Amino acid sequence: MPEKRMLIVDADVVRKIDENRGDMSVSDFITFLIDSQLKEGANAQSNDHVTKEEFRQFEEGIRELLRNFLEFFLSYGLELGKQQTDKELDKLSQKLRALGISTRGKSH
């Protein structure tokens, strides 16, 4: 049986513990919180994850890259004199719209 000690904390802290511990004992809840915090601290040091904002920026960059890629091949085909059918142009425009980027986006 583990040795027991008394911990003196502010009344507000006791109230927060009681409001959030559910069926856990006070001791189990505090142990859970400490363990969770220590694991989170160790995970933060390894930095194996990205934030939502970093992922959104990455996604935006990939969409821009794909849009530029499609626009390049569309204009390259037209410059070589290859006549694109309206159907092919519509397909490329739909692909650009599917990426969430207007075909009228940036002008070169």
PDB file of N, CA and C in Angstrom:
ATOM      1  N   MET A   1       0.856  -1.181   0.000  1.00  0.00           N
ATOM      2  CA  MET A   1       0.000   0.000   0.000  1.00  0.00           C
ATOM      3  C   MET A   1       0.902   1.245   0.000  1.00  0.00           C
ATOM      4  N   PRO A   2       0.640   2.199  -0.945  1.00  0.00           N
ATOM      5  CA  PRO A   2       1.493   3.388  -1.021  1.00  0.00           C
ATOM      6  C   PRO A   2       1.351   4.275   0.213  1.00  0.00           C
ATOM      7  N   GLU A   3       2.428   4.954   0.533  1.00  0.00           N
ATOM      8  CA  GLU A   3       2.422   5.890   1.649  1.00  0.00           C
ATOM      9  C   GLU A   3       1.554   7.082   1.288  1.00  0.00           C
ATOM     10  N   LYS A   4       0.758   7.537   2.231  1.00  0.00           N
ATOM     11  CA  LYS A   4      -0.132   8.669   1.974  1.00  0.00           C
ATOM     12  C   LYS A   4       0.403   9.919   2.646  1.00  0.00           C
ATOM     13  N   ARG A   5       0.234  11.046   1.944  1.00  0.00           N
ATOM     14  CA  ARG A   5       0.653  12.347   2.452  1.00  0.00           C
ATOM     15  C   ARG A   5      -0.489  13.328   2.263  1.00  0.00           C
ATOM     16  N   MET A   6      -0.439  14.434   2.954  1.00  0.00           N
ATOM     17  CA  MET A   6      -1.454  15.465   2.831  1.00  0.00           C
ATOM     18  C   MET A   6      -0.916  16.563   1.913  1.00  0.00           C
ATOM     19  N   LEU A   7      -1.782  17.065   1.053  1.00  0.00           N
ATOM     20  CA  LEU A   7      -1.416  18.138   0.144  1.00  0.00           C
ATOM     21  C   LEU A   7      -2.351  19.306   0.414  1.00  0.00           C
ATOM     22  N   ILE A   8      -1.810  20.446   0.683  1.00  0.00           N
ATOM     23  CA  ILE A   8      -2.628  21.625   0.977  1.00  0.00           C
ATOM     24  C   ILE A   8      -2.709  22.461  -0.282  1.00  0.00           C
ATOM     25  N   VAL A   9      -3.954  22.684  -0.745  1.00  0.00           N
ATOM     26  CA  VAL A   9      -4.195  23.469  -1.960  1.00  0.00           C
ATOM     27  C   VAL A   9      -5.303  24.478  -1.686  1.00  0.00           C
ATOM     28  N   ASP A  10      -5.393  25.470  -2.569  1.00  0.00           N
ATOM     29  CA  ASP A  10      -6.435  26.486  -2.443  1.00  0.00           C
ATOM     30  C   ASP A  10      -7.815  25.858  -2.610  1.00  0.00           C
ATOM     31  N   ALA A  11      -8.806  26.473  -2.000  1.00  0.00           N
ATOM     32  CA  ALA A  11     -10.184  25.978  -2.074  1.00  0.00           C
ATOM     33  C   ALA A  11     -10.686  25.948  -3.519  1.00  0.00           C
ATOM     34  N   ASP A  12     -10.246  26.912  -4.349  1.00  0.00           N
ATOM     35  CA  ASP A  12     -10.658  26.933  -5.757  1.00  0.00           C
ATOM     36  C   ASP A  12     -10.143  25.703  -6.497  1.00  0.00           C
ATOM     37  N   VAL A  13      -8.932  25.279  -6.163  1.00  0.00           N
ATOM     38  CA  VAL A  13      -8.354  24.101  -6.800  1.00  0.00           C
ATOM     39  C   VAL A  13      -9.146  22.860  -6.412  1.00  0.00           C
ATOM     40  N   VAL A  14      -9.509  22.755  -5.127  1.00  0.00           N
ATOM     41  CA  VAL A  14     -10.309  21.613  -4.668  1.00  0.00           C
ATOM     42  C   VAL A  14     -11.656  21.600  -5.386  1.00  0.00           C
ATOM     43  N   ARG A  15     -12.259  22.771  -5.552  1.00  0.00           N
ATOM     44  CA  ARG A  15     -13.546  22.862  -6.246  1.00  0.00           C
ATOM     45  C   ARG A  15     -13.398  22.387  -7.700  1.00  0.00           C
ATOM     46  N   LYS A  16     -12.339  22.827  -8.399  1.00  0.00           N
ATOM     47  CA  LYS A  16     -12.116  22.409  -9.787  1.00  0.00           C
ATOM     48  C   LYS A  16     -11.892  20.909  -9.882  1.00  0.00           C
ATOM     49  N   ILE A  17     -11.145  20.367  -8.939  1.00  0.00           N
ATOM     50  CA  ILE A  17     -10.910  18.917  -8.919  1.00  0.00           C
ATOM     51  C   ILE A  17     -12.230  18.183  -8.760  1.00  0.00           C
ATOM     52  N   ASP A  18     -13.033  18.600  -7.779  1.00  0.00           N
ATOM     53  CA  ASP A  18     -14.312  17.931  -7.527  1.00  0.00           C
ATOM     54  C   ASP A  18     -15.275  18.042  -8.703  1.00  0.00           C
ATOM     55  N   GLU A  19     -15.248  19.185  -9.397  1.00  0.00           N
ATOM     56  CA  GLU A  19     -16.140  19.382 -10.545  1.00  0.00           C
ATOM     57  C   GLU A  19     -15.751  18.516 -11.744  1.00  0.00           C
ATOM     58  N   ASN A  20     -14.468  18.148 -11.846  1.00  0.00           N
ATOM     59  CA  ASN A  20     -13.987  17.485 -13.055  1.00  0.00           C
ATOM     60  C   ASN A  20     -13.535  16.041 -12.887  1.00  0.00           C
ATOM     61  N   ARG A  21     -13.477  15.520 -11.680  1.00  0.00           N
ATOM     62  CA  ARG A  21     -12.901  14.197 -11.478  1.00  0.00           C
ATOM     63  C   ARG A  21     -13.861  13.055 -11.758  1.00  0.00           C
ATOM     64  N   GLY A  22     -15.153  13.352 -11.871  1.00  0.00           N
ATOM     65  CA  GLY A  22     -16.126  12.289 -12.146  1.00  0.00           C
ATOM     66  C   GLY A  22     -16.121  11.244 -11.054  1.00  0.00           C
ATOM     67  N   ASP A  23     -15.980   9.964 -11.426  1.00  0.00           N
ATOM     68  CA  ASP A  23     -15.983   8.862 -10.467  1.00  0.00           C
ATOM     69  C   ASP A  23     -14.610   8.564  -9.877  1.00  0.00           C
ATOM     70  N   MET A  24     -13.583   9.260 -10.348  1.00  0.00           N
ATOM     71  CA  MET A  24     -12.227   9.017  -9.860  1.00  0.00           C
ATOM     72  C   MET A  24     -12.066   9.593  -8.446  1.00  0.00           C
ATOM     73  N   SER A  25     -11.186   8.974  -7.687  1.00  0.00           N
ATOM     74  CA  SER A  25     -10.855   9.559  -6.388  1.00  0.00           C
ATOM     75  C   SER A  25     -10.001  10.797  -6.637  1.00  0.00           C
ATOM     76  N   VAL A  26      -9.905  11.649  -5.637  1.00  0.00           N
ATOM     77  CA  VAL A  26      -9.103  12.864  -5.770  1.00  0.00           C
ATOM     78  C   VAL A  26      -7.658  12.489  -6.085  1.00  0.00           C
ATOM     79  N   SER A  27      -7.138  11.501  -5.378  1.00  0.00           N
ATOM     80  CA  SER A  27      -5.764  11.065  -5.586  1.00  0.00           C
ATOM     81  C   SER A  27      -5.553  10.532  -7.004  1.00  0.00           C
ATOM     82  N   ASP A  28      -6.476   9.683  -7.481  1.00  0.00           N
ATOM     83  CA  ASP A  28      -6.368   9.129  -8.840  1.00  0.00           C
ATOM     84  C   ASP A  28      -6.444  10.238  -9.890  1.00  0.00           C
ATOM     85  N   PHE A  29      -7.328  11.216  -9.661  1.00  0.00           N
ATOM     86  CA  PHE A  29      -7.490  12.313 -10.609  1.00  0.00           C
ATOM     87  C   PHE A  29      -6.221  13.165 -10.699  1.00  0.00           C
ATOM     88  N   ILE A  30      -5.632  13.483  -9.549  1.00  0.00           N
ATOM     89  CA  ILE A  30      -4.403  14.279  -9.543  1.00  0.00           C
ATOM     90  C   ILE A  30      -3.272  13.503 -10.201  1.00  0.00           C
ATOM     91  N   THR A  31      -3.185  12.209  -9.928  1.00  0.00           N
ATOM     92  CA  THR A  31      -2.169  11.367 -10.567  1.00  0.00           C
ATOM     93  C   THR A  31      -2.367  11.361 -12.075  1.00  0.00           C
ATOM     94  N   PHE A  32      -3.615  11.225 -12.515  1.00  0.00           N
ATOM     95  CA  PHE A  32      -3.939  11.253 -13.944  1.00  0.00           C
ATOM     96  C   PHE A  32      -3.500  12.570 -14.583  1.00  0.00           C
ATOM     97  N   LEU A  33      -3.813  13.683 -13.936  1.00  0.00           N
ATOM     98  CA  LEU A  33      -3.439  14.996 -14.473  1.00  0.00           C
ATOM     99  C   LEU A  33      -1.927  15.155 -14.570  1.00  0.00           C
ATOM    100  N   ILE A  34      -1.225  14.725 -13.553  1.00  0.00           N
ATOM    101  CA  ILE A  34       0.239  14.852 -13.558  1.00  0.00           C
ATOM    102  C   ILE A  34       0.831  13.984 -14.662  1.00  0.00           C
ATOM    103  N   ASP A  35       0.372  12.735 -14.764  1.00  0.00           N
ATOM    104  CA  ASP A  35       0.872  11.835 -15.811  1.00  0.00           C
ATOM    105  C   ASP A  35       0.582  12.389 -17.198  1.00  0.00           C
ATOM    106  N   SER A  36      -0.624  12.918 -17.390  1.00  0.00           N
ATOM    107  CA  SER A  36      -0.999  13.488 -18.694  1.00  0.00           C
ATOM    108  C   SER A  36      -0.106  14.663 -19.045  1.00  0.00           C
ATOM    109  N   GLN A  37       0.155  15.508 -18.081  1.00  0.00           N
ATOM    110  CA  GLN A  37       0.986  16.687 -18.318  1.00  0.00           C
ATOM    111  C   GLN A  37       2.419  16.283 -18.643  1.00  0.00           C
ATOM    112  N   LEU A  38       2.928  15.290 -17.948  1.00  0.00           N
ATOM    113  CA  LEU A  38       4.293  14.837 -18.210  1.00  0.00           C
ATOM    114  C   LEU A  38       4.407  14.201 -19.589  1.00  0.00           C
ATOM    115  N   LYS A  39       3.426  13.415 -19.982  1.00  0.00           N
ATOM    116  CA  LYS A  39       3.435  12.814 -21.321  1.00  0.00           C
ATOM    117  C   LYS A  39       3.337  13.895 -22.387  1.00  0.00           C
ATOM    118  N   GLU A  40       2.473  14.889 -22.164  1.00  0.00           N
ATOM    119  CA  GLU A  40       2.307  15.982 -23.128  1.00  0.00           C
ATOM    120  C   GLU A  40       3.600  16.768 -23.254  1.00  0.00           C
ATOM    121  N   GLY A  41       4.272  16.994 -22.143  1.00  0.00           N
ATOM    122  CA  GLY A  41       5.544  17.711 -22.168  1.00  0.00           C
ATOM    123  C   GLY A  41       6.592  16.959 -22.951  1.00  0.00           C
ATOM    124  N   ALA A  42       6.637  15.648 -22.782  1.00  0.00           N
ATOM    125  CA  ALA A  42       7.597  14.823 -23.525  1.00  0.00           C
ATOM    126  C   ALA A  42       7.266  14.822 -25.008  1.00  0.00           C
ATOM    127  N   ASN A  43       5.993  14.764 -25.352  1.00  0.00           N
ATOM    128  CA  ASN A  43       5.575  14.784 -26.761  1.00  0.00           C
ATOM    129  C   ASN A  43       5.855  16.129 -27.408  1.00  0.00           C
ATOM    130  N   ALA A  44       5.701  17.198 -26.662  1.00  0.00           N
ATOM    131  CA  ALA A  44       5.940  18.532 -27.221  1.00  0.00           C
ATOM    132  C   ALA A  44       7.413  18.701 -27.569  1.00  0.00           C
ATOM    133  N   GLN A  45       8.292  18.043 -26.799  1.00  0.00           N
ATOM    134  CA  GLN A  45       9.718  18.167 -27.082  1.00  0.00           C
ATOM    135  C   GLN A  45      10.093  17.454 -28.368  1.00  0.00           C
ATOM    136  N   SER A  46       9.420  16.346 -28.691  1.00  0.00           N
ATOM    137  CA  SER A  46       9.755  15.612 -29.906  1.00  0.00           C
ATOM    138  C   SER A  46       9.235  16.317 -31.151  1.00  0.00           C
ATOM    139  N   ASN A  47       8.184  17.125 -31.011  1.00  0.00           N
ATOM    140  CA  ASN A  47       7.645  17.936 -32.100  1.00  0.00           C
ATOM    141  C   ASN A  47       7.322  17.099 -33.348  1.00  0.00           C
ATOM    142  N   ASP A  48       6.651  15.976 -33.137  1.00  0.00           N
ATOM    143  CA  ASP A  48       6.280  15.085 -34.236  1.00  0.00           C
ATOM    144  C   ASP A  48       4.949  15.451 -34.880  1.00  0.00           C
ATOM    145  N   HIS A  49       4.367  16.538 -34.502  1.00  0.00           N
ATOM    146  CA  HIS A  49       3.059  16.902 -35.036  1.00  0.00           C
ATOM    147  C   HIS A  49       3.078  18.325 -35.591  1.00  0.00           C
ATOM    148  N   VAL A  50       2.054  18.617 -36.388  1.00  0.00           N
ATOM    149  CA  VAL A  50       1.917  19.962 -36.929  1.00  0.00           C
ATOM    150  C   VAL A  50       0.650  20.584 -36.360  1.00  0.00           C
ATOM    151  N   THR A  51       0.630  21.891 -36.333  1.00  0.00           N
ATOM    152  CA  THR A  51      -0.560  22.581 -35.859  1.00  0.00           C
ATOM    153  C   THR A  51      -1.569  22.667 -36.994  1.00  0.00           C
ATOM    154  N   LYS A  52      -2.782  22.989 -36.636  1.00  0.00           N
ATOM    155  CA  LYS A  52      -3.841  23.158 -37.636  1.00  0.00           C
ATOM    156  C   LYS A  52      -3.457  24.230 -38.651  1.00  0.00           C
ATOM    157  N   GLU A  53      -2.885  25.312 -38.149  1.00  0.00           N
ATOM    158  CA  GLU A  53      -2.492  26.426 -39.017  1.00  0.00           C
ATOM    159  C   GLU A  53      -1.382  26.001 -39.972  1.00  0.00           C
ATOM    160  N   GLU A  54      -0.400  25.236 -39.482  1.00  0.00           N
ATOM    161  CA  GLU A  54       0.671  24.752 -40.359  1.00  0.00           C
ATOM    162  C   GLU A  54       0.123  23.838 -41.442  1.00  0.00           C
ATOM    163  N   PHE A  55      -0.823  22.980 -41.074  1.00  0.00           N
ATOM    164  CA  PHE A  55      -1.420  22.077 -42.056  1.00  0.00           C
ATOM    165  C   PHE A  55      -2.221  22.865 -43.087  1.00  0.00           C
ATOM    166  N   ARG A  56      -2.967  23.880 -42.638  1.00  0.00           N
ATOM    167  CA  ARG A  56      -3.758  24.706 -43.557  1.00  0.00           C
ATOM    168  C   ARG A  56      -2.837  25.417 -44.552  1.00  0.00           C
ATOM    169  N   GLN A  57      -1.717  25.937 -44.070  1.00  0.00           N
ATOM    170  CA  GLN A  57      -0.761  26.602 -44.959  1.00  0.00           C
ATOM    171  C   GLN A  57      -0.161  25.616 -45.955  1.00  0.00           C
ATOM    172  N   PHE A  58       0.141  24.417 -45.504  1.00  0.00           N
ATOM    173  CA  PHE A  58       0.670  23.378 -46.387  1.00  0.00           C
ATOM    174  C   PHE A  58      -0.354  23.036 -47.470  1.00  0.00           C
ATOM    175  N   GLU A  59      -1.607  22.849 -47.059  1.00  0.00           N
ATOM    176  CA  GLU A  59      -2.675  22.521 -48.001  1.00  0.00           C
ATOM    177  C   GLU A  59      -2.848  23.636 -49.033  1.00  0.00           C
ATOM    178  N   GLU A  60      -2.816  24.869 -48.575  1.00  0.00           N
ATOM    179  CA  GLU A  60      -2.933  26.019 -49.471  1.00  0.00           C
ATOM    180  C   GLU A  60      -1.786  26.038 -50.484  1.00  0.00           C
ATOM    181  N   GLY A  61      -0.585  25.765 -50.008  1.00  0.00           N
ATOM    182  CA  GLY A  61       0.587  25.733 -50.883  1.00  0.00           C
ATOM    183  C   GLY A  61       0.492  24.636 -51.929  1.00  0.00           C
ATOM    184  N   ILE A  62       0.010  23.465 -51.535  1.00  0.00           N
ATOM    185  CA  ILE A  62      -0.149  22.351 -52.475  1.00  0.00           C
ATOM    186  C   ILE A  62      -1.193  22.694 -53.530  1.00  0.00           C
ATOM    187  N   ARG A  63      -2.293  23.295 -53.105  1.00  0.00           N
ATOM    188  CA  ARG A  63      -3.330  23.696 -54.078  1.00  0.00           C
ATOM    189  C   ARG A  63      -2.787  24.700 -55.078  1.00  0.00           C
ATOM    190  N   GLU A  64      -2.018  25.657 -54.587  1.00  0.00           N
ATOM    191  CA  GLU A  64      -1.416  26.668 -55.470  1.00  0.00           C
ATOM    192  C   GLU A  64      -0.450  26.006 -56.448  1.00  0.00           C
ATOM    193  N   LEU A  65       0.348  25.064 -55.962  1.00  0.00           N
ATOM    194  CA  LEU A  65       1.285  24.339 -56.813  1.00  0.00           C
ATOM    195  C   LEU A  65       0.544  23.566 -57.903  1.00  0.00           C
ATOM    196  N   LEU A  66      -0.526  22.873 -57.534  1.00  0.00           N
ATOM    197  CA  LEU A  66      -1.305  22.124 -58.520  1.00  0.00           C
ATOM    198  C   LEU A  66      -1.951  23.043 -59.546  1.00  0.00           C
ATOM    199  N   ARG A  67      -2.459  24.179 -59.054  1.00  0.00           N
ATOM    200  CA  ARG A  67      -3.078  25.144 -59.980  1.00  0.00           C
ATOM    201  C   ARG A  67      -2.045  25.634 -60.983  1.00  0.00           C
ATOM    202  N   ASN A  68      -0.857  25.993 -60.504  1.00  0.00           N
ATOM    203  CA  ASN A  68       0.205  26.456 -61.391  1.00  0.00           C
ATOM    204  C   ASN A  68       0.627  25.365 -62.369  1.00  0.00           C
ATOM    205  N   PHE A  69       0.691  24.146 -61.902  1.00  0.00           N
ATOM    206  CA  PHE A  69       1.042  23.006 -62.734  1.00  0.00           C
ATOM    207  C   PHE A  69       0.029  22.840 -63.870  1.00  0.00           C
ATOM    208  N   LEU A  70      -1.261  22.865 -63.535  1.00  0.00           N
ATOM    209  CA  LEU A  70      -2.296  22.719 -64.565  1.00  0.00           C
ATOM    210  C   LEU A  70      -2.285  23.902 -65.535  1.00  0.00           C
ATOM    211  N   GLU A  71      -2.133  25.098 -65.007  1.00  0.00           N
ATOM    212  CA  GLU A  71      -2.095  26.277 -65.875  1.00  0.00           C
ATOM    213  C   GLU A  71      -0.903  26.227 -66.818  1.00  0.00           C
ATOM    214  N   PHE A  72       0.241  25.758 -66.337  1.00  0.00           N
ATOM    215  CA  PHE A  72       1.430  25.646 -67.167  1.00  0.00           C
ATOM    216  C   PHE A  72       1.175  24.703 -68.347  1.00  0.00           C
ATOM    217  N   PHE A  73       0.652  23.523 -68.052  1.00  0.00           N
ATOM    218  CA  PHE A  73       0.436  22.567 -69.132  1.00  0.00           C
ATOM    219  C   PHE A  73      -0.667  23.011 -70.076  1.00  0.00           C
ATOM    220  N   LEU A  74      -1.647  23.714 -69.563  1.00  0.00           N
ATOM    221  CA  LEU A  74      -2.700  24.247 -70.430  1.00  0.00           C
ATOM    222  C   LEU A  74      -2.112  25.294 -71.370  1.00  0.00           C
ATOM    223  N   SER A  75      -1.356  26.240 -70.826  1.00  0.00           N
ATOM    224  CA  SER A  75      -0.777  27.292 -71.679  1.00  0.00           C
ATOM    225  C   SER A  75       0.318  26.725 -72.570  1.00  0.00           C
ATOM    226  N   TYR A  76       1.096  25.774 -72.107  1.00  0.00           N
ATOM    227  CA  TYR A  76       2.149  25.153 -72.912  1.00  0.00           C
ATOM    228  C   TYR A  76       1.547  24.468 -74.134  1.00  0.00           C
ATOM    229  N   GLY A  77       0.447  23.759 -73.924  1.00  0.00           N
ATOM    230  CA  GLY A  77      -0.239  23.091 -75.039  1.00  0.00           C
ATOM    231  C   GLY A  77      -0.759  24.094 -76.051  1.00  0.00           C
ATOM    232  N   LEU A  78      -1.276  25.218 -75.586  1.00  0.00           N
ATOM    233  CA  LEU A  78      -1.809  26.229 -76.491  1.00  0.00           C
ATOM    234  C   LEU A  78      -0.676  26.921 -77.249  1.00  0.00           C
ATOM    235  N   GLU A  79       0.469  27.152 -76.588  1.00  0.00           N
ATOM    236  CA  GLU A  79       1.593  27.827 -77.244  1.00  0.00           C
ATOM    237  C   GLU A  79       2.220  26.973 -78.326  1.00  0.00           C
ATOM    238  N   LEU A  80       2.181  25.672 -78.176  1.00  0.00           N
ATOM    239  CA  LEU A  80       2.747  24.786 -79.186  1.00  0.00           C
ATOM    240  C   LEU A  80       1.824  24.646 -80.405  1.00  0.00           C
ATOM    241  N   GLY A  81       0.698  25.298 -80.337  1.00  0.00           N
ATOM    242  CA  GLY A  81      -0.224  25.237 -81.458  1.00  0.00           C
ATOM    243  C   GLY A  81      -1.188  24.072 -81.390  1.00  0.00           C
ATOM    244  N   LYS A  82      -1.077  23.279 -80.345  1.00  0.00           N
ATOM    245  CA  LYS A  82      -2.001  22.164 -80.197  1.00  0.00           C
ATOM    246  C   LYS A  82      -3.360  22.744 -79.838  1.00  0.00           C
ATOM    247  N   GLN A  83      -4.318  22.453 -80.635  1.00  0.00           N
ATOM    248  CA  GLN A  83      -5.648  22.975 -80.393  1.00  0.00           C
ATOM    249  C   GLN A  83      -6.345  22.144 -79.314  1.00  0.00           C
ATOM    250  N   GLN A  84      -6.666  22.803 -78.249  1.00  0.00           N
ATOM    251  CA  GLN A  84      -7.397  22.137 -77.172  1.00  0.00           C
ATOM    252  C   GLN A  84      -8.880  22.187 -77.516  1.00  0.00           C
ATOM    253  N   THR A  85      -9.540  21.089 -77.326  1.00  0.00           N
ATOM    254  CA  THR A  85     -10.983  21.096 -77.553  1.00  0.00           C
ATOM    255  C   THR A  85     -11.643  21.770 -76.368  1.00  0.00           C
ATOM    256  N   ASP A  86     -12.846  22.270 -76.604  1.00  0.00           N
ATOM    257  CA  ASP A  86     -13.586  22.892 -75.508  1.00  0.00           C
ATOM    258  C   ASP A  86     -13.781  21.909 -74.365  1.00  0.00           C
ATOM    259  N   LYS A  87     -13.950  20.638 -74.707  1.00  0.00           N
ATOM    260  CA  LYS A  87     -14.153  19.614 -73.692  1.00  0.00           C
ATOM    261  C   LYS A  87     -12.913  19.487 -72.799  1.00  0.00           C
ATOM    262  N   GLU A  88     -11.710  19.516 -73.403  1.00  0.00           N
ATOM    263  CA  GLU A  88     -10.474  19.415 -72.624  1.00  0.00           C
ATOM    264  C   GLU A  88     -10.282  20.637 -71.730  1.00  0.00           C
ATOM    265  N   LEU A  89     -10.601  21.828 -72.289  1.00  0.00           N
ATOM    266  CA  LEU A  89     -10.485  23.049 -71.499  1.00  0.00           C
ATOM    267  C   LEU A  89     -11.459  23.032 -70.331  1.00  0.00           C
ATOM    268  N   ASP A  90     -12.658  22.558 -70.588  1.00  0.00           N
ATOM    269  CA  ASP A  90     -13.647  22.460 -69.513  1.00  0.00           C
ATOM    270  C   ASP A  90     -13.185  21.492 -68.426  1.00  0.00           C
ATOM    271  N   LYS A  91     -12.573  20.372 -68.839  1.00  0.00           N
ATOM    272  CA  LYS A  91     -12.067  19.403 -67.863  1.00  0.00           C
ATOM    273  C   LYS A  91     -11.003  20.032 -66.969  1.00  0.00           C
ATOM    274  N   LEU A  92     -10.069  20.755 -67.582  1.00  0.00           N
ATOM    275  CA  LEU A  92      -9.021  21.405 -66.802  1.00  0.00           C
ATOM    276  C   LEU A  92      -9.599  22.478 -65.880  1.00  0.00           C
ATOM    277  N   SER A  93     -10.572  23.225 -66.374  1.00  0.00           N
ATOM    278  CA  SER A  93     -11.214  24.251 -65.546  1.00  0.00           C
ATOM    279  C   SER A  93     -11.919  23.614 -64.353  1.00  0.00           C
ATOM    280  N   GLN A  94     -12.561  22.471 -64.599  1.00  0.00           N
ATOM    281  CA  GLN A  94     -13.234  21.765 -63.502  1.00  0.00           C
ATOM    282  C   GLN A  94     -12.225  21.275 -62.474  1.00  0.00           C
ATOM    283  N   LYS A  95     -11.065  20.801 -62.952  1.00  0.00           N
ATOM    284  CA  LYS A  95     -10.030  20.350 -62.018  1.00  0.00           C
ATOM    285  C   LYS A  95      -9.528  21.513 -61.171  1.00  0.00           C
ATOM    286  N   LEU A  96      -9.354  22.654 -61.795  1.00  0.00           N
ATOM    287  CA  LEU A  96      -8.913  23.830 -61.047  1.00  0.00           C
ATOM    288  C   LEU A  96      -9.966  24.241 -60.017  1.00  0.00           C
ATOM    289  N   ARG A  97     -11.235  24.218 -60.412  1.00  0.00           N
ATOM    290  CA  ARG A  97     -12.310  24.559 -59.466  1.00  0.00           C
ATOM    291  C   ARG A  97     -12.386  23.541 -58.338  1.00  0.00           C
ATOM    292  N   ALA A  98     -12.141  22.273 -58.660  1.00  0.00           N
ATOM    293  CA  ALA A  98     -12.165  21.229 -57.637  1.00  0.00           C
ATOM    294  C   ALA A  98     -11.086  21.464 -56.587  1.00  0.00           C
ATOM    295  N   LEU A  99     -10.008  22.116 -56.987  1.00  0.00           N
ATOM    296  CA  LEU A  99      -8.955  22.435 -56.029  1.00  0.00           C
ATOM    297  C   LEU A  99      -9.323  23.642 -55.181  1.00  0.00           C
ATOM    298  N   GLY A 100     -10.475  24.227 -55.453  1.00  0.00           N
ATOM    299  CA  GLY A 100     -10.921  25.370 -54.663  1.00  0.00           C
ATOM    300  C   GLY A 100     -10.296  26.667 -55.095  1.00  0.00           C
ATOM    301  N   ILE A 101      -9.775  26.701 -56.326  1.00  0.00           N
ATOM    302  CA  ILE A 101      -9.095  27.896 -56.822  1.00  0.00           C
ATOM    303  C   ILE A 101      -9.754  28.283 -58.140  1.00  0.00           C
ATOM    304  N   SER A 102     -10.087  29.525 -58.289  1.00  0.00           N
ATOM    305  CA  SER A 102     -10.709  30.021 -59.512  1.00  0.00           C
ATOM    306  C   SER A 102      -9.743  29.941 -60.678  1.00  0.00           C
ATOM    307  N   THR A 103     -10.268  29.659 -61.863  1.00  0.00           N
ATOM    308  CA  THR A 103      -9.433  29.644 -63.058  1.00  0.00           C
ATOM    309  C   THR A 103      -9.028  31.064 -63.443  1.00  0.00           C
ATOM    310  N   ARG A 104      -9.673  32.021 -62.870  1.00  0.00           N
ATOM    311  CA  ARG A 104      -9.326  33.416 -63.134  1.00  0.00           C
ATOM    312  C   ARG A 104      -8.405  33.959 -62.047  1.00  0.00           C
ATOM    313  N   GLY A 105      -7.867  33.068 -61.195  1.00  0.00           N
ATOM    314  CA  GLY A 105      -7.010  33.419 -60.054  1.00  0.00           C
ATOM    315  C   GLY A 105      -5.982  34.463 -60.348  1.00  0.00           C
ATOM    316  N   LYS A 106      -4.747  34.077 -60.514  1.00  0.00           N
ATOM    317  CA  LYS A 106      -3.651  35.017 -60.733  1.00  0.00           C
ATOM    318  C   LYS A 106      -3.438  35.218 -62.230  1.00  0.00           C
ATOM    319  N   SER A 107      -3.014  36.411 -62.573  1.00  0.00           N
ATOM    320  CA  SER A 107      -2.638  36.657 -63.959  1.00  0.00           C
ATOM    321  C   SER A 107      -1.126  36.709 -64.031  1.00  0.00           C
ATOM    322  N   HIS A 108      -0.551  36.246 -65.142  1.00  0.00           N
ATOM    323  CA  HIS A 108       0.916  36.194 -65.263  1.00  0.00           C
ATOM    324  C   HIS A 108       1.453  37.466 -65.816  1.00  0.00           C
TER     325      HIS A 108
END
